[in-house]
Structures are given as C-alpha cells and as structure tokens.
Amino acid sequence: MELMGSGFVLRPWHLEDALSIQHHADNPNVSAFLADRFPYPYTLDDAMSWVNLMQNQNPLVNFVIAVDGKAVGGIALEMRQDVHQKTPLLGYWLGEAYWGKGIMPEAVKLITNYAFAHLDIICIQAFIFSGNPASMRVLEKAGYEKQGVIKHSIVKRGKIWNEHVYAMLNPQAVTLT
C-alpha cells in the first residue's frame, strides 16, 4: 500500500530505511515537540529497532514519508483501546531539511482519507504542544479543527506546556448524541 503525494510517498517501513531515518531523526529540533518515547539522540540502534517493530503491520497505520525513495519522516495513527477504540491519535515528524515544503499538510490529508476509508473509526485526534504553532498550522491546513486546550498538561525537557487538541470527524460515521 502506497499513498502518493506531491513529491513524496507514504509507504510501509523497509529494513533499509534505518540509516536514513537515523540521519533525519537525530536532531533536537525534530524531537523538541514529540513524546519522549521518540529518543534524542536518535541512534542507529533506535532506528533499526523501530523499523523492525514496524514490519508486518495489520492494519497498516504507520507509514514512512519517503522523498526520492529515501525515508525522511513518519506519520502514524496510534490505535487505542477501551472507550477510545474508534478514535486513534495522529502523530508525525519530518526531517528538518523538508520543513516548510508543504509535505506534512498533504501527508496528514492522505493518512486521514486512508483511515476513514479503511478503518472503523469515528474521528482522529492530535495533541500539539503549545510551543509548536507550525504543527497547529499543518493540522488546520489539513482540515482539522481545534477542539480545545488542556492547560499545563505536559512536561518536555523540563518545561511545562499546554496541549492543543485537534480532531477531524469521519464524515461517514454515525454520530450519537
């Protein structure tokens, strides 16, 4: 399964992606607004472990962002359990050399359309650190709406941040009130 963008593709992870991913992920600016489970420094062992973990996904919900055949980022839906079983979380990152080129808003649209067409979900949510307005713009360009702000809810690198909640509803899901 490949999702074609303008100058990039979303595709499954390949074992040979590890070196390129390590190169692009090992950047404090890339990891600055990601959960701590995204390590920094990002070693080749981290990249190899991640790529191995991503093999044989079913369903496919975690994609590499590839430009000219090289892995330069990732975008994924984190499927959840219990009352959130139909509301995955969206997460993404991109190597700094590719920022500001329009890749991420289009990638968000691609994975959102894919998810609504292939997964039994009612909406997709994304949580953005208050210090990351560029990511908020990505979501807004992709059609996501801000649902609210959770004040002083996260700590990253010793700093307390608000979290901005964005969501897109599946237009084909039945809404109960």
Protein backbone atom coordinates (compact mmCIF):
# COMPACT_ATOMS: atom_id res chain seq x y z
CA MET A 1 0.00 0.00 0.00
CA GLU A 2 1.41 3.37 -1.02
CA LEU A 3 -0.25 6.76 -0.77
CA MET A 4 1.12 9.14 -3.38
CA GLY A 5 1.72 12.77 -2.51
CA SER A 6 3.21 15.65 -4.47
CA GLY A 7 6.90 14.79 -4.49
CA PHE A 8 6.67 12.21 -1.69
CA VAL A 9 5.04 8.90 -0.89
CA LEU A 10 3.62 7.35 2.28
CA ARG A 11 4.57 3.69 2.31
CA PRO A 12 5.30 0.83 4.70
CA TRP A 13 8.64 0.77 6.51
CA HIS A 14 11.50 -1.17 4.92
CA LEU A 15 14.52 -2.51 6.77
CA GLU A 16 16.81 -0.40 4.61
CA ASP A 17 15.09 2.79 5.92
CA ALA A 18 17.01 2.67 9.20
CA LEU A 19 20.09 4.66 8.16
CA SER A 20 18.09 7.47 6.53
CA ILE A 21 15.65 7.64 9.45
CA GLN A 22 18.51 7.86 11.93
CA HIS A 23 20.06 10.70 9.93
CA HIS A 24 16.83 12.76 9.87
CA ALA A 25 15.55 11.88 13.36
CA ASP A 26 18.79 12.63 15.22
CA ASN A 27 18.03 16.33 15.51
CA PRO A 28 16.97 18.17 18.67
CA ASN A 29 14.62 20.36 16.61
CA VAL A 30 12.80 17.29 15.29
CA SER A 31 12.34 15.73 18.73
CA ALA A 32 11.55 19.01 20.54
CA PHE A 33 7.77 18.64 20.33
CA LEU A 34 7.43 14.87 20.26
CA ALA A 35 6.73 12.48 23.11
CA ASP A 36 9.81 11.31 25.00
CA ARG A 37 9.40 7.83 23.52
CA PHE A 38 10.94 9.42 20.40
CA PRO A 39 14.53 9.44 21.64
CA TYR A 40 17.17 12.08 21.32
CA PRO A 41 19.89 11.46 20.46
CA TYR A 42 18.39 9.08 17.91
CA THR A 43 20.87 6.28 17.30
CA LEU A 44 21.11 3.76 14.50
CA ASP A 45 20.06 1.11 17.05
CA ASP A 46 16.92 3.18 17.75
CA ALA A 47 16.19 3.36 14.03
CA MET A 48 16.76 -0.35 13.48
CA SER A 49 14.57 -1.27 16.45
CA TRP A 50 11.80 0.99 15.17
CA VAL A 51 11.92 -0.30 11.60
CA ASN A 52 11.89 -3.90 12.84
CA LEU A 53 8.89 -3.14 15.05
CA MET A 54 7.02 -1.69 12.06
CA GLN A 55 7.29 -4.82 9.92
CA ASN A 56 4.09 -6.78 9.16
CA GLN A 57 1.60 -4.23 10.48
CA ASN A 58 -2.03 -5.26 10.29
CA PRO A 59 -3.74 -2.95 9.73
CA LEU A 60 -1.18 -0.63 8.20
CA VAL A 61 -1.35 2.54 10.32
CA ASN A 62 2.29 3.66 10.49
CA PHE A 63 3.90 4.99 7.32
CA VAL A 64 7.31 6.25 6.34
CA ILE A 65 7.40 9.55 4.47
CA ALA A 66 9.74 8.97 1.54
CA VAL A 67 11.18 11.59 -0.80
CA ASP A 68 13.12 10.32 -3.82
CA GLY A 69 12.99 6.85 -2.29
CA LYS A 70 14.62 7.95 0.99
CA ALA A 71 12.86 7.80 4.36
CA VAL A 72 12.72 11.37 5.74
CA GLY A 73 9.94 11.17 8.32
CA GLY A 74 6.99 9.25 9.62
CA ILE A 75 3.25 9.59 10.08
CA ALA A 76 1.01 7.25 12.01
CA LEU A 77 -2.25 6.56 13.72
CA GLU A 78 -1.96 5.17 17.22
CA MET A 79 -4.90 2.84 17.67
CA ARG A 80 -6.26 2.94 21.19
CA GLN A 81 -8.37 0.72 23.41
CA ASP A 82 -11.44 0.90 25.61
CA VAL A 83 -13.66 3.95 25.05
CA HIS A 84 -11.12 5.36 22.57
CA GLN A 85 -11.14 2.28 20.35
CA LYS A 86 -12.60 4.23 17.40
CA THR A 87 -10.57 7.40 17.97
CA PRO A 88 -6.90 6.96 17.06
CA LEU A 89 -4.24 9.57 17.74
CA LEU A 90 -2.37 11.11 14.83
CA GLY A 91 1.36 11.67 15.14
CA TYR A 92 4.01 12.74 12.67
CA TRP A 93 7.54 14.03 12.25
CA LEU A 94 9.67 15.17 9.35
CA GLY A 95 13.38 15.77 8.88
CA GLU A 96 14.18 19.46 9.28
CA ALA A 97 15.55 19.74 5.71
CA TYR A 98 11.97 19.11 4.49
CA TRP A 99 10.11 21.58 6.72
CA GLY A 100 8.11 24.32 5.02
CA LYS A 101 7.70 22.46 1.72
CA GLY A 102 4.02 21.55 2.13
CA ILE A 103 4.72 17.86 2.65
CA MET A 104 3.14 17.44 6.06
CA PRO A 105 -0.31 19.00 5.47
CA GLU A 106 -0.69 16.81 2.39
CA ALA A 107 0.59 13.74 4.27
CA VAL A 108 -1.98 14.39 7.03
CA LYS A 109 -4.76 14.59 4.42
CA LEU A 110 -3.58 11.36 2.80
CA ILE A 111 -3.45 9.34 6.02
CA THR A 112 -6.77 10.81 7.19
CA ASN A 113 -8.55 9.87 3.95
CA TYR A 114 -6.94 6.42 4.06
CA ALA A 115 -8.04 5.91 7.67
CA PHE A 116 -11.63 6.97 7.07
CA ALA A 117 -11.85 4.68 4.02
CA HIS A 118 -10.16 1.60 5.52
CA LEU A 119 -10.53 1.68 9.30
CA ASP A 120 -13.60 1.50 11.52
CA ILE A 121 -13.09 4.85 13.24
CA ILE A 122 -15.28 7.83 14.12
CA CYS A 123 -12.63 10.55 14.40
CA ILE A 124 -8.91 11.18 14.56
CA GLN A 125 -7.34 13.31 17.27
CA ALA A 126 -3.97 15.05 17.50
CA PHE A 127 -2.40 16.70 20.55
CA ILE A 128 0.06 19.53 19.88
CA PHE A 129 2.41 21.23 22.35
CA SER A 130 1.66 24.93 22.76
CA GLY A 131 5.17 25.84 21.60
CA ASN A 132 4.61 24.25 18.19
CA PRO A 133 2.40 26.59 16.14
CA ALA A 134 3.81 25.17 12.88
CA SER A 135 2.22 21.80 13.68
CA MET A 136 -1.07 23.51 14.53
CA ARG A 137 -0.99 25.14 11.07
CA VAL A 138 -0.30 21.73 9.49
CA LEU A 139 -3.46 20.34 11.04
CA GLU A 140 -5.55 23.38 10.17
CA LYS A 141 -4.37 23.25 6.54
CA ALA A 142 -5.37 19.58 6.50
CA GLY A 143 -8.90 20.44 7.69
CA TYR A 144 -8.61 19.55 11.38
CA GLU A 145 -10.40 21.74 13.90
CA LYS A 146 -9.12 22.84 17.29
CA GLN A 147 -11.28 21.27 19.99
CA GLY A 148 -9.67 22.92 22.99
CA VAL A 149 -6.60 23.41 25.13
CA ILE A 150 -5.53 21.30 28.08
CA LYS A 151 -3.61 23.69 30.29
CA HIS A 152 -0.28 22.77 31.87
CA SER A 153 -0.71 19.11 30.99
CA ILE A 154 2.71 18.00 29.75
CA VAL A 155 6.38 18.39 30.59
CA LYS A 156 9.07 18.25 27.92
CA ARG A 157 12.74 18.94 28.60
CA GLY A 158 11.87 20.46 31.96
CA LYS A 159 9.31 22.90 30.59
CA ILE A 160 5.55 22.76 31.25
CA TRP A 161 3.39 23.10 28.13
CA ASN A 162 -0.27 23.37 27.29
CA GLU A 163 -1.61 20.81 24.84
CA HIS A 164 -3.85 21.84 21.95
CA VAL A 165 -6.40 19.23 20.93
CA TYR A 166 -7.30 18.92 17.25
CA ALA A 167 -9.71 16.49 15.63
CA MET A 168 -11.34 15.53 12.38
CA LEU A 169 -14.62 13.67 12.39
CA ASN A 170 -15.22 10.84 9.96
CA PRO A 171 -17.98 12.24 7.72
CA GLN A 172 -19.39 8.75 7.23
CA ALA A 173 -19.52 7.80 10.91
CA VAL A 174 -22.85 7.83 12.68
CA THR A 175 -22.85 10.45 15.40
CA LEU A 176 -24.75 9.66 18.56
CA THR A 177 -25.85 12.41 20.91
